[in-house]
Amino acid sequence: MRRRFADGLGENYPSYAELDLFLENSLGRSLATITAPDALPLVVHRVLRAARVGGWLAELIEASADDSPHDTTLGEVRAAVRRARAVAVRQVAAELDLVVVGAPALRPLAEAIRADPRVGRVACVSTAGRASANLATADALVVGTESAGRVDVTGLDPAPGSRMLPIVLVEAPASMGSPVAPRLAASVTQIVVAGEAAETARRVVDHLAAVIAR
């Protein structure tokens, strides 16, 4: 599939200048920051490597298919990637059981997380000991920084042979720098700066789905 995509890019953007124009117009990226002019197969290879390492390969595939709607190769590659992504979502769907700590401030975020098809159950609690009651079945915790100093971490220690419960810390601009309970800090796998609820929820679930699928 990677070779087919490389061939499709080379056929649709047969020069360094044309590939650079596509990247700039569609993705806001400069080809000069990825590679100097060279033989086209080498340039395409370096672009794919940069996209894979930088985490924007899926975006590149979508943009190239949109830019060349009549190209069957790019369209087939995009369709294959979408099918693979749909399978991955179905495999995780309704499996993530999350506890969001920080109600009522994080209730909109909890609702946005609940709407994600990869999430099964979401418990939104306030602070202190209320999180521990939901830990028996939880896959992960999502904790707001305004609550991070007061969360009861009883039950966070994994059973022998099991892994530590992952925790995403959601930082609101107003509470940045708030103290975090040391035991809680030791389990944080990602820090997400809070923004619009749907986008923040997507970033939280993307991270947790990747962590739990490992």
N, C-alpha and C. Protein backbone atom coordinates (compact mmCIF):
# COMPACT_ATOMS: atom_id res chain seq x y z
N MET A 1 0.82 -1.20 0.00
CA MET A 1 0.00 0.00 0.00
C MET A 1 0.87 1.26 0.00
N ARG A 2 1.98 1.22 0.75
CA ARG A 2 2.87 2.38 0.79
C ARG A 2 3.45 2.67 -0.58
N ARG A 3 3.82 1.59 -1.31
CA ARG A 3 4.39 1.76 -2.65
C ARG A 3 3.35 2.34 -3.61
N ARG A 4 2.11 1.87 -3.50
CA ARG A 4 1.06 2.39 -4.36
C ARG A 4 0.82 3.88 -4.10
N PHE A 5 0.85 4.25 -2.83
CA PHE A 5 0.65 5.66 -2.50
C PHE A 5 1.80 6.50 -3.04
N ALA A 6 3.02 6.00 -2.89
CA ALA A 6 4.19 6.72 -3.42
C ALA A 6 4.08 6.88 -4.93
N ASP A 7 3.65 5.82 -5.61
CA ASP A 7 3.48 5.90 -7.07
C ASP A 7 2.41 6.92 -7.44
N GLY A 8 1.31 6.91 -6.66
CA GLY A 8 0.23 7.86 -6.94
C GLY A 8 0.67 9.30 -6.76
N LEU A 9 1.43 9.58 -5.71
CA LEU A 9 1.94 10.94 -5.51
C LEU A 9 2.86 11.35 -6.65
N GLY A 10 3.76 10.42 -7.05
CA GLY A 10 4.69 10.74 -8.12
C GLY A 10 3.99 11.01 -9.45
N GLU A 11 2.91 10.27 -9.71
CA GLU A 11 2.18 10.46 -10.97
C GLU A 11 1.39 11.77 -10.98
N ASN A 12 0.85 12.15 -9.84
CA ASN A 12 0.03 13.36 -9.79
C ASN A 12 0.84 14.63 -9.58
N TYR A 13 2.01 14.50 -8.98
CA TYR A 13 2.88 15.66 -8.75
C TYR A 13 4.27 15.30 -9.28
N PRO A 14 4.42 15.35 -10.60
CA PRO A 14 5.63 14.81 -11.24
C PRO A 14 6.87 15.69 -11.17
N SER A 15 6.81 16.78 -10.41
CA SER A 15 8.00 17.62 -10.25
C SER A 15 8.08 18.11 -8.81
N TYR A 16 9.26 18.52 -8.42
CA TYR A 16 9.47 19.05 -7.07
C TYR A 16 8.56 20.25 -6.83
N ALA A 17 8.47 21.14 -7.84
CA ALA A 17 7.66 22.36 -7.69
C ALA A 17 6.19 22.03 -7.51
N GLU A 18 5.68 21.05 -8.27
CA GLU A 18 4.26 20.69 -8.17
C GLU A 18 3.94 20.04 -6.82
N LEU A 19 4.84 19.19 -6.34
CA LEU A 19 4.64 18.57 -5.03
C LEU A 19 4.70 19.61 -3.93
N ASP A 20 5.62 20.56 -4.07
CA ASP A 20 5.74 21.63 -3.08
C ASP A 20 4.47 22.47 -3.04
N LEU A 21 3.92 22.77 -4.22
CA LEU A 21 2.70 23.58 -4.29
C LEU A 21 1.53 22.84 -3.63
N PHE A 22 1.43 21.54 -3.89
CA PHE A 22 0.36 20.76 -3.27
C PHE A 22 0.49 20.76 -1.75
N LEU A 23 1.68 20.51 -1.24
CA LEU A 23 1.88 20.47 0.22
C LEU A 23 1.57 21.82 0.86
N GLU A 24 1.97 22.88 0.19
CA GLU A 24 1.74 24.22 0.73
C GLU A 24 0.25 24.56 0.73
N ASN A 25 -0.42 24.30 -0.38
CA ASN A 25 -1.83 24.68 -0.50
C ASN A 25 -2.75 23.78 0.31
N SER A 26 -2.43 22.50 0.39
CA SER A 26 -3.35 21.55 1.04
C SER A 26 -3.04 21.31 2.51
N LEU A 27 -1.76 21.39 2.88
CA LEU A 27 -1.38 21.05 4.25
C LEU A 27 -0.61 22.15 4.97
N GLY A 28 -0.32 23.25 4.25
CA GLY A 28 0.43 24.33 4.88
C GLY A 28 1.85 23.94 5.22
N ARG A 29 2.44 23.01 4.44
CA ARG A 29 3.80 22.54 4.71
C ARG A 29 4.70 22.88 3.53
N SER A 30 5.95 23.18 3.86
CA SER A 30 6.93 23.51 2.83
C SER A 30 7.80 22.30 2.54
N LEU A 31 7.88 21.95 1.27
CA LEU A 31 8.71 20.81 0.88
C LEU A 31 10.18 21.07 1.19
N ALA A 32 10.58 22.35 1.15
CA ALA A 32 11.99 22.69 1.40
C ALA A 32 12.42 22.34 2.81
N THR A 33 11.47 22.30 3.76
CA THR A 33 11.81 21.93 5.14
C THR A 33 11.94 20.42 5.31
N ILE A 34 11.54 19.67 4.27
CA ILE A 34 11.61 18.21 4.33
C ILE A 34 12.80 17.69 3.54
N THR A 35 12.98 18.22 2.34
CA THR A 35 14.07 17.75 1.49
C THR A 35 14.43 18.80 0.45
N ALA A 36 15.67 18.79 0.04
CA ALA A 36 16.12 19.63 -1.07
C ALA A 36 15.70 18.96 -2.38
N PRO A 37 15.69 19.69 -3.49
CA PRO A 37 15.35 19.07 -4.78
C PRO A 37 16.26 17.87 -5.06
N ASP A 38 15.67 16.81 -5.57
CA ASP A 38 16.40 15.58 -5.85
C ASP A 38 15.56 14.77 -6.83
N ALA A 39 16.00 13.57 -7.14
CA ALA A 39 15.18 12.70 -7.99
C ALA A 39 13.82 12.51 -7.33
N LEU A 40 12.76 12.56 -8.15
CA LEU A 40 11.40 12.55 -7.60
C LEU A 40 11.12 11.35 -6.70
N PRO A 41 11.52 10.12 -7.05
CA PRO A 41 11.24 9.01 -6.12
C PRO A 41 11.86 9.21 -4.75
N LEU A 42 13.04 9.82 -4.69
CA LEU A 42 13.68 10.09 -3.40
C LEU A 42 12.93 11.17 -2.64
N VAL A 43 12.47 12.21 -3.35
CA VAL A 43 11.71 13.28 -2.72
C VAL A 43 10.41 12.73 -2.12
N VAL A 44 9.70 11.91 -2.89
CA VAL A 44 8.45 11.33 -2.40
C VAL A 44 8.71 10.43 -1.19
N HIS A 45 9.77 9.65 -1.26
CA HIS A 45 10.12 8.78 -0.13
C HIS A 45 10.37 9.61 1.13
N ARG A 46 11.05 10.72 1.01
CA ARG A 46 11.34 11.55 2.18
C ARG A 46 10.08 12.23 2.71
N VAL A 47 9.18 12.60 1.80
CA VAL A 47 7.92 13.19 2.25
C VAL A 47 7.12 12.16 3.04
N LEU A 48 7.04 10.92 2.54
CA LEU A 48 6.29 9.89 3.24
C LEU A 48 6.92 9.57 4.59
N ARG A 49 8.23 9.56 4.63
CA ARG A 49 8.91 9.30 5.91
C ARG A 49 8.64 10.42 6.90
N ALA A 50 8.71 11.67 6.45
CA ALA A 50 8.44 12.80 7.33
C ALA A 50 7.00 12.78 7.83
N ALA A 51 6.07 12.41 6.93
CA ALA A 51 4.66 12.35 7.32
C ALA A 51 4.42 11.24 8.33
N ARG A 52 5.06 10.11 8.13
CA ARG A 52 4.88 8.99 9.06
C ARG A 52 5.46 9.33 10.42
N VAL A 53 6.66 9.87 10.45
CA VAL A 53 7.31 10.22 11.71
C VAL A 53 6.57 11.37 12.40
N GLY A 54 6.10 12.33 11.61
CA GLY A 54 5.44 13.50 12.18
C GLY A 54 3.98 13.31 12.51
N GLY A 55 3.42 12.15 12.15
CA GLY A 55 2.04 11.88 12.50
C GLY A 55 1.01 12.51 11.58
N TRP A 56 1.40 12.92 10.36
CA TRP A 56 0.44 13.53 9.45
C TRP A 56 0.26 12.73 8.15
N LEU A 57 0.58 11.43 8.19
CA LEU A 57 0.44 10.60 6.99
C LEU A 57 -1.03 10.46 6.58
N ALA A 58 -1.91 10.22 7.54
CA ALA A 58 -3.34 10.10 7.21
C ALA A 58 -3.87 11.39 6.60
N GLU A 59 -3.41 12.53 7.14
CA GLU A 59 -3.81 13.83 6.60
C GLU A 59 -3.31 13.99 5.17
N LEU A 60 -2.09 13.52 4.90
CA LEU A 60 -1.52 13.59 3.55
C LEU A 60 -2.33 12.74 2.57
N ILE A 61 -2.71 11.54 3.00
CA ILE A 61 -3.49 10.65 2.14
C ILE A 61 -4.83 11.28 1.81
N GLU A 62 -5.51 11.82 2.82
CA GLU A 62 -6.81 12.46 2.59
C GLU A 62 -6.67 13.65 1.65
N ALA A 63 -5.66 14.48 1.88
CA ALA A 63 -5.50 15.70 1.08
C ALA A 63 -5.16 15.38 -0.37
N SER A 64 -4.32 14.37 -0.59
CA SER A 64 -3.94 14.02 -1.97
C SER A 64 -5.14 13.46 -2.73
N ALA A 65 -5.97 12.66 -2.07
CA ALA A 65 -7.15 12.13 -2.74
C ALA A 65 -8.16 13.23 -3.03
N ASP A 66 -8.29 14.19 -2.12
CA ASP A 66 -9.19 15.33 -2.35
C ASP A 66 -8.69 16.19 -3.50
N ASP A 67 -7.37 16.35 -3.58
CA ASP A 67 -6.78 17.21 -4.61
C ASP A 67 -6.83 16.57 -5.99
N SER A 68 -6.89 15.24 -6.03
CA SER A 68 -6.92 14.51 -7.31
C SER A 68 -8.09 13.53 -7.29
N PRO A 69 -9.32 14.05 -7.32
CA PRO A 69 -10.49 13.19 -7.12
C PRO A 69 -10.69 12.12 -8.19
N HIS A 70 -10.05 12.30 -9.36
CA HIS A 70 -10.24 11.33 -10.43
C HIS A 70 -9.11 10.31 -10.50
N ASP A 71 -8.15 10.41 -9.60
CA ASP A 71 -7.06 9.45 -9.59
C ASP A 71 -7.48 8.20 -8.81
N THR A 72 -7.55 7.07 -9.49
CA THR A 72 -8.04 5.86 -8.84
C THR A 72 -7.06 5.33 -7.80
N THR A 73 -5.75 5.49 -8.03
CA THR A 73 -4.77 4.96 -7.09
C THR A 73 -4.89 5.66 -5.74
N LEU A 74 -4.89 6.99 -5.75
CA LEU A 74 -4.99 7.73 -4.49
C LEU A 74 -6.34 7.49 -3.83
N GLY A 75 -7.39 7.37 -4.63
CA GLY A 75 -8.70 7.09 -4.06
C GLY A 75 -8.77 5.73 -3.40
N GLU A 76 -8.14 4.73 -4.03
CA GLU A 76 -8.14 3.38 -3.47
C GLU A 76 -7.31 3.32 -2.20
N VAL A 77 -6.19 4.05 -2.17
CA VAL A 77 -5.37 4.08 -0.95
C VAL A 77 -6.16 4.71 0.19
N ARG A 78 -6.84 5.81 -0.09
CA ARG A 78 -7.64 6.46 0.96
C ARG A 78 -8.74 5.52 1.45
N ALA A 79 -9.40 4.84 0.53
CA ALA A 79 -10.48 3.93 0.92
C ALA A 79 -9.94 2.81 1.80
N ALA A 80 -8.75 2.28 1.46
CA ALA A 80 -8.16 1.21 2.26
C ALA A 80 -7.81 1.69 3.65
N VAL A 81 -7.27 2.91 3.75
CA VAL A 81 -6.91 3.47 5.05
C VAL A 81 -8.16 3.71 5.88
N ARG A 82 -9.22 4.20 5.26
CA ARG A 82 -10.46 4.43 5.99
C ARG A 82 -11.06 3.13 6.49
N ARG A 83 -10.98 2.07 5.67
CA ARG A 83 -11.49 0.77 6.11
C ARG A 83 -10.71 0.26 7.31
N ALA A 84 -9.38 0.40 7.24
CA ALA A 84 -8.54 -0.05 8.34
C ALA A 84 -8.83 0.74 9.61
N ARG A 85 -9.07 2.05 9.45
CA ARG A 85 -9.38 2.89 10.61
C ARG A 85 -10.73 2.50 11.20
N ALA A 86 -11.70 2.19 10.34
CA ALA A 86 -13.02 1.79 10.82
C ALA A 86 -12.95 0.49 11.60
N VAL A 87 -12.12 -0.44 11.12
CA VAL A 87 -11.94 -1.71 11.83
C VAL A 87 -11.34 -1.45 13.20
N ALA A 88 -10.33 -0.56 13.25
CA ALA A 88 -9.67 -0.25 14.52
C ALA A 88 -10.66 0.38 15.50
N VAL A 89 -11.53 1.26 14.98
CA VAL A 89 -12.53 1.89 15.84
C VAL A 89 -13.50 0.86 16.38
N ARG A 90 -13.92 -0.08 15.51
CA ARG A 90 -14.85 -1.11 15.96
C ARG A 90 -14.23 -2.01 17.01
N GLN A 91 -12.93 -2.25 16.87
CA GLN A 91 -12.25 -3.11 17.84
C GLN A 91 -12.19 -2.47 19.22
N VAL A 92 -12.11 -1.13 19.24
CA VAL A 92 -12.02 -0.42 20.51
C VAL A 92 -13.39 0.05 20.99
N ALA A 93 -14.36 0.10 20.05
CA ALA A 93 -15.67 0.68 20.36
C ALA A 93 -16.29 0.04 21.59
N ALA A 94 -16.85 0.89 22.41
CA ALA A 94 -17.57 0.46 23.61
C ALA A 94 -16.69 -0.33 24.56
N GLU A 95 -15.35 -0.19 24.42
CA GLU A 95 -14.45 -0.88 25.33
C GLU A 95 -13.82 0.08 26.32
N LEU A 96 -13.69 1.33 25.96
CA LEU A 96 -13.08 2.29 26.87
C LEU A 96 -14.07 2.69 27.97
N ASP A 97 -13.68 2.43 29.18
CA ASP A 97 -14.49 2.76 30.35
C ASP A 97 -13.71 3.82 31.13
N LEU A 98 -14.19 5.05 31.10
CA LEU A 98 -13.41 6.18 31.62
C LEU A 98 -14.08 6.83 32.82
N VAL A 99 -13.23 7.34 33.71
CA VAL A 99 -13.69 8.14 34.83
C VAL A 99 -13.14 9.55 34.65
N VAL A 100 -14.02 10.53 34.56
CA VAL A 100 -13.63 11.93 34.43
C VAL A 100 -13.79 12.58 35.79
N VAL A 101 -12.71 13.13 36.32
CA VAL A 101 -12.72 13.74 37.64
C VAL A 101 -12.59 15.25 37.48
N GLY A 102 -13.60 15.98 37.93
CA GLY A 102 -13.56 17.43 37.83
C GLY A 102 -14.92 18.04 37.58
N ALA A 103 -15.98 17.29 37.90
CA ALA A 103 -17.33 17.85 37.76
C ALA A 103 -17.50 18.97 38.79
N PRO A 104 -18.25 20.02 38.46
CA PRO A 104 -19.01 20.19 37.22
C PRO A 104 -18.23 20.81 36.08
N ALA A 105 -16.99 21.27 36.34
CA ALA A 105 -16.24 21.99 35.31
C ALA A 105 -15.99 21.13 34.07
N LEU A 106 -15.74 19.85 34.27
CA LEU A 106 -15.42 18.98 33.14
C LEU A 106 -16.63 18.21 32.61
N ARG A 107 -17.83 18.55 33.07
CA ARG A 107 -19.00 17.81 32.59
C ARG A 107 -19.21 17.96 31.07
N PRO A 108 -19.02 19.16 30.48
CA PRO A 108 -19.14 19.25 29.01
C PRO A 108 -18.12 18.36 28.30
N LEU A 109 -16.90 18.28 28.85
CA LEU A 109 -15.90 17.40 28.26
C LEU A 109 -16.32 15.94 28.39
N ALA A 110 -16.86 15.57 29.54
CA ALA A 110 -17.31 14.20 29.75
C ALA A 110 -18.41 13.83 28.75
N GLU A 111 -19.31 14.76 28.47
CA GLU A 111 -20.38 14.50 27.51
C GLU A 111 -19.81 14.33 26.11
N ALA A 112 -18.80 15.15 25.76
CA ALA A 112 -18.18 15.03 24.45
C ALA A 112 -17.42 13.71 24.32
N ILE A 113 -16.78 13.28 25.39
CA ILE A 113 -16.08 11.99 25.38
C ILE A 113 -17.09 10.86 25.23
N ARG A 114 -18.22 10.97 25.91
CA ARG A 114 -19.25 9.93 25.85
C ARG A 114 -19.78 9.76 24.42
N ALA A 115 -19.74 10.81 23.63
CA ALA A 115 -20.26 10.75 22.26
C ALA A 115 -19.31 10.03 21.31
N ASP A 116 -18.07 9.79 21.72
CA ASP A 116 -17.10 9.12 20.86
C ASP A 116 -17.45 7.64 20.76
N PRO A 117 -17.51 7.07 19.54
CA PRO A 117 -17.90 5.66 19.39
C PRO A 117 -16.91 4.67 20.00
N ARG A 118 -15.72 5.14 20.34
CA ARG A 118 -14.73 4.24 20.96
C ARG A 118 -14.92 4.11 22.46
N VAL A 119 -15.85 4.86 23.00
CA VAL A 119 -16.03 4.91 24.45
C VAL A 119 -17.33 4.20 24.83
N GLY A 120 -17.25 3.38 25.85
CA GLY A 120 -18.43 2.70 26.35
C GLY A 120 -19.10 3.48 27.46
N ARG A 121 -18.48 3.51 28.65
CA ARG A 121 -19.09 4.17 29.81
C ARG A 121 -18.20 5.30 30.29
N VAL A 122 -18.83 6.39 30.70
CA VAL A 122 -18.10 7.53 31.27
C VAL A 122 -18.77 7.90 32.59
N ALA A 123 -17.99 7.88 33.66
CA ALA A 123 -18.47 8.35 34.96
C ALA A 123 -17.82 9.70 35.22
N CYS A 124 -18.62 10.71 35.47
CA CYS A 124 -18.10 12.05 35.75
C CYS A 124 -18.32 12.35 37.23
N VAL A 125 -17.25 12.45 37.99
CA VAL A 125 -17.34 12.67 39.43
C VAL A 125 -16.67 13.99 39.79
N SER A 126 -16.81 14.36 41.05
CA SER A 126 -16.27 15.65 41.45
C SER A 126 -14.81 15.53 41.89
N THR A 127 -14.57 15.23 43.16
CA THR A 127 -13.20 15.20 43.65
C THR A 127 -13.08 14.14 44.74
N ALA A 128 -12.00 14.25 45.49
CA ALA A 128 -11.75 13.43 46.68
C ALA A 128 -11.99 11.95 46.42
N GLY A 129 -12.67 11.26 47.34
CA GLY A 129 -12.76 9.81 47.27
C GLY A 129 -13.73 9.28 46.25
N ARG A 130 -14.40 10.13 45.49
CA ARG A 130 -15.44 9.64 44.60
C ARG A 130 -14.88 8.91 43.38
N ALA A 131 -13.63 9.17 43.03
CA ALA A 131 -13.06 8.48 41.87
C ALA A 131 -12.80 7.02 42.16
N SER A 132 -12.37 6.70 43.38
CA SER A 132 -11.95 5.34 43.68
C SER A 132 -13.09 4.34 43.56
N ALA A 133 -14.33 4.77 43.75
CA ALA A 133 -15.46 3.86 43.66
C ALA A 133 -15.68 3.34 42.25
N ASN A 134 -15.12 4.05 41.23
CA ASN A 134 -15.33 3.66 39.84
C ASN A 134 -14.11 2.97 39.23
N LEU A 135 -13.06 2.78 40.03
CA LEU A 135 -11.80 2.28 39.47
C LEU A 135 -11.80 0.80 39.17
N ALA A 136 -12.72 0.05 39.74
CA ALA A 136 -12.69 -1.40 39.56
C ALA A 136 -12.82 -1.79 38.10
N THR A 137 -13.62 -1.05 37.34
CA THR A 137 -13.82 -1.39 35.94
C THR A 137 -13.23 -0.37 34.98
N ALA A 138 -12.65 0.70 35.49
CA ALA A 138 -12.17 1.78 34.62
C ALA A 138 -10.93 1.36 33.84
N ASP A 139 -10.84 1.89 32.60
CA ASP A 139 -9.64 1.71 31.78
C ASP A 139 -8.67 2.86 31.97
N ALA A 140 -9.19 4.04 32.35
CA ALA A 140 -8.33 5.21 32.48
C ALA A 140 -9.07 6.30 33.25
N LEU A 141 -8.28 7.26 33.75
CA LEU A 141 -8.83 8.45 34.41
C LEU A 141 -8.53 9.68 33.56
N VAL A 142 -9.47 10.60 33.54
CA VAL A 142 -9.28 11.92 32.94
C VAL A 142 -9.50 12.91 34.06
N VAL A 143 -8.47 13.67 34.41
CA VAL A 143 -8.52 14.51 35.61
C VAL A 143 -8.24 15.96 35.24
N GLY A 144 -9.10 16.86 35.71
CA GLY A 144 -8.87 18.29 35.53
C GLY A 144 -7.85 18.79 36.53
N THR A 145 -7.02 19.74 36.13
CA THR A 145 -5.96 20.22 37.02
C THR A 145 -6.50 20.86 38.28
N GLU A 146 -7.73 21.43 38.21
CA GLU A 146 -8.27 22.05 39.42
C GLU A 146 -8.62 21.00 40.47
N SER A 147 -8.71 19.71 40.05
CA SER A 147 -9.01 18.63 40.99
C SER A 147 -7.79 17.77 41.29
N ALA A 148 -6.69 18.02 40.58
CA ALA A 148 -5.57 17.09 40.62
C ALA A 148 -4.88 17.02 41.97
N GLY A 149 -5.05 18.03 42.80
CA GLY A 149 -4.42 17.98 44.11
C GLY A 149 -5.27 17.29 45.15
N ARG A 150 -6.52 16.94 44.79
CA ARG A 150 -7.44 16.43 45.80
C ARG A 150 -8.02 15.06 45.45
N VAL A 151 -7.56 14.45 44.36
CA VAL A 151 -8.12 13.17 43.95
C VAL A 151 -7.65 12.07 44.89
N ASP A 152 -8.58 11.25 45.35
CA ASP A 152 -8.24 10.09 46.18
C ASP A 152 -7.64 9.04 45.26
N VAL A 153 -6.38 8.69 45.45
CA VAL A 153 -5.70 7.76 44.55
C VAL A 153 -5.75 6.33 45.06
N THR A 154 -6.58 6.08 46.06
CA THR A 154 -6.75 4.71 46.55
C THR A 154 -7.22 3.82 45.40
N GLY A 155 -6.56 2.71 45.20
CA GLY A 155 -6.94 1.78 44.15
C GLY A 155 -6.23 2.00 42.84
N LEU A 156 -5.38 3.03 42.75
CA LEU A 156 -4.66 3.25 41.50
C LEU A 156 -3.53 2.25 41.29
N ASP A 157 -2.99 1.69 42.36
CA ASP A 157 -1.92 0.72 42.21
C ASP A 157 -2.44 -0.51 41.50
N PRO A 158 -1.78 -0.93 40.40
CA PRO A 158 -2.27 -2.08 39.65
C PRO A 158 -2.09 -3.38 40.40
N ALA A 159 -2.93 -4.34 40.08
CA ALA A 159 -2.76 -5.67 40.64
C ALA A 159 -1.47 -6.28 40.09
N PRO A 160 -0.87 -7.24 40.81
CA PRO A 160 0.36 -7.86 40.32
C PRO A 160 0.18 -8.41 38.91
N GLY A 161 1.10 -8.05 38.04
CA GLY A 161 1.05 -8.54 36.67
C GLY A 161 0.23 -7.68 35.72
N SER A 162 -0.46 -6.67 36.25
CA SER A 162 -1.25 -5.79 35.39
C SER A 162 -0.57 -4.44 35.29
N ARG A 163 -0.97 -3.66 34.30
CA ARG A 163 -0.32 -2.38 34.10
C ARG A 163 -1.01 -1.27 34.89
N MET A 164 -0.30 -0.16 35.02
CA MET A 164 -0.81 0.98 35.77
C MET A 164 -1.95 1.65 34.99
N LEU A 165 -2.94 2.11 35.69
CA LEU A 165 -4.06 2.79 35.06
C LEU A 165 -3.58 4.11 34.44
N PRO A 166 -3.75 4.29 33.12
CA PRO A 166 -3.30 5.55 32.50
C PRO A 166 -4.18 6.72 32.93
N ILE A 167 -3.57 7.88 33.02
CA ILE A 167 -4.28 9.09 33.45
C ILE A 167 -3.96 10.22 32.47
N VAL A 168 -5.00 10.89 31.99
CA VAL A 168 -4.83 12.09 31.18
C VAL A 168 -5.15 13.30 32.06
N LEU A 169 -4.24 14.23 32.12
CA LEU A 169 -4.43 15.45 32.90
C LEU A 169 -4.89 16.55 31.94
N VAL A 170 -6.06 17.13 32.19
CA VAL A 170 -6.61 18.18 31.35
C VAL A 170 -6.36 19.52 32.03
N GLU A 171 -5.53 20.33 31.41
CA GLU A 171 -5.15 21.62 32.00
C GLU A 171 -6.02 22.74 31.45
N ALA A 172 -6.78 23.36 32.31
CA ALA A 172 -7.51 24.57 31.94
C ALA A 172 -6.56 25.75 32.11
N PRO A 173 -6.61 26.73 31.20
CA PRO A 173 -5.70 27.88 31.31
C PRO A 173 -5.71 28.52 32.69
N ALA A 174 -6.89 28.59 33.33
CA ALA A 174 -6.99 29.25 34.63
C ALA A 174 -6.36 28.45 35.75
N SER A 175 -6.15 27.14 35.53
CA SER A 175 -5.63 26.31 36.62
C SER A 175 -4.25 25.74 36.32
N MET A 176 -3.58 26.26 35.30
CA MET A 176 -2.23 25.78 35.00
C MET A 176 -1.32 26.04 36.18
N GLY A 177 -0.51 25.09 36.53
CA GLY A 177 0.39 25.24 37.67
C GLY A 177 -0.22 24.80 38.97
N SER A 178 -1.48 24.33 38.93
CA SER A 178 -2.10 23.83 40.16
C SER A 178 -1.36 22.59 40.64
N PRO A 179 -1.28 22.39 41.95
CA PRO A 179 -0.55 21.22 42.47
C PRO A 179 -1.23 19.92 42.06
N VAL A 180 -0.41 18.90 41.83
CA VAL A 180 -0.90 17.57 41.46
C VAL A 180 -0.44 16.59 42.52
N ALA A 181 -1.36 15.76 43.01
CA ALA A 181 -0.98 14.75 43.99
C ALA A 181 0.16 13.90 43.44
N PRO A 182 1.25 13.71 44.21
CA PRO A 182 2.42 12.99 43.68
C PRO A 182 2.08 11.62 43.11
N ARG A 183 1.22 10.87 43.79
CA ARG A 183 0.87 9.54 43.30
C ARG A 183 0.12 9.62 41.97
N LEU A 184 -0.68 10.67 41.82
CA LEU A 184 -1.40 10.89 40.58
C LEU A 184 -0.43 11.26 39.46
N ALA A 185 0.50 12.15 39.77
CA ALA A 185 1.46 12.61 38.77
C ALA A 185 2.27 11.46 38.20
N ALA A 186 2.54 10.45 39.02
CA ALA A 186 3.36 9.32 38.58
C ALA A 186 2.65 8.48 37.52
N SER A 187 1.32 8.60 37.42
CA SER A 187 0.56 7.79 36.47
C SER A 187 0.12 8.57 35.23
N VAL A 188 0.42 9.87 35.17
CA VAL A 188 -0.03 10.67 34.03
C VAL A 188 0.71 10.24 32.77
N THR A 189 -0.06 9.88 31.74
CA THR A 189 0.54 9.49 30.47
C THR A 189 0.43 10.59 29.42
N GLN A 190 -0.41 11.58 29.66
CA GLN A 190 -0.57 12.67 28.70
C GLN A 190 -1.15 13.88 29.39
N ILE A 191 -0.71 15.06 28.97
CA ILE A 191 -1.28 16.32 29.44
C ILE A 191 -1.92 17.01 28.23
N VAL A 192 -3.20 17.34 28.35
CA VAL A 192 -3.94 17.98 27.27
C VAL A 192 -4.41 19.34 27.75
N VAL A 193 -4.11 20.38 26.99
CA VAL A 193 -4.60 21.71 27.34
C VAL A 193 -6.04 21.84 26.87
N ALA A 194 -6.92 22.17 27.78
CA ALA A 194 -8.35 22.22 27.47
C ALA A 194 -8.66 23.31 26.45
N GLY A 195 -9.53 22.95 25.53
CA GLY A 195 -10.03 23.92 24.55
C GLY A 195 -11.50 23.64 24.33
N GLU A 196 -11.95 23.74 23.08
CA GLU A 196 -13.34 23.40 22.75
C GLU A 196 -13.58 21.94 23.10
N ALA A 197 -14.72 21.65 23.70
CA ALA A 197 -14.96 20.34 24.31
C ALA A 197 -14.79 19.19 23.33
N ALA A 198 -15.36 19.30 22.12
CA ALA A 198 -15.30 18.19 21.17
C ALA A 198 -13.87 17.91 20.73
N GLU A 199 -13.09 18.97 20.49
CA GLU A 199 -11.70 18.78 20.07
C GLU A 199 -10.86 18.22 21.21
N THR A 200 -11.07 18.72 22.42
CA THR A 200 -10.34 18.20 23.58
C THR A 200 -10.68 16.73 23.80
N ALA A 201 -11.95 16.38 23.66
CA ALA A 201 -12.38 14.99 23.83
C ALA A 201 -11.72 14.10 22.80
N ARG A 202 -11.63 14.57 21.56
CA ARG A 202 -11.00 13.76 20.50
C ARG A 202 -9.54 13.49 20.84
N ARG A 203 -8.83 14.51 21.32
CA ARG A 203 -7.42 14.31 21.65
C ARG A 203 -7.25 13.36 22.83
N VAL A 204 -8.14 13.48 23.81
CA VAL A 204 -8.08 12.59 24.98
C VAL A 204 -8.31 11.14 24.56
N VAL A 205 -9.37 10.91 23.78
CA VAL A 205 -9.72 9.54 23.41
C VAL A 205 -8.69 8.97 22.43
N ASP A 206 -8.18 9.78 21.50
CA ASP A 206 -7.12 9.31 20.59
C ASP A 206 -5.94 8.77 21.39
N HIS A 207 -5.53 9.54 22.39
CA HIS A 207 -4.38 9.12 23.20
C HIS A 207 -4.69 7.84 23.96
N LEU A 208 -5.82 7.80 24.63
CA LEU A 208 -6.13 6.63 25.46
C LEU A 208 -6.37 5.38 24.61
N ALA A 209 -7.00 5.53 23.45
CA ALA A 209 -7.20 4.37 22.57
C ALA A 209 -5.86 3.81 22.14
N ALA A 210 -4.88 4.69 21.84
CA ALA A 210 -3.56 4.23 21.42
C ALA A 210 -2.83 3.57 22.58
N VAL A 211 -2.92 4.15 23.77
CA VAL A 211 -2.22 3.60 24.94
C VAL A 211 -2.79 2.23 25.32
N ILE A 212 -4.11 2.12 25.34
CA ILE A 212 -4.75 0.90 25.80
C ILE A 212 -4.63 -0.22 24.76
N ALA A 213 -4.49 0.17 23.47
CA ALA A 213 -4.36 -0.85 22.42
C ALA A 213 -2.96 -1.45 22.36
N ARG A 214 -1.99 -0.85 23.05
CA ARG A 214 -0.62 -1.37 22.99
C ARG A 214 -0.52 -2.74 23.64
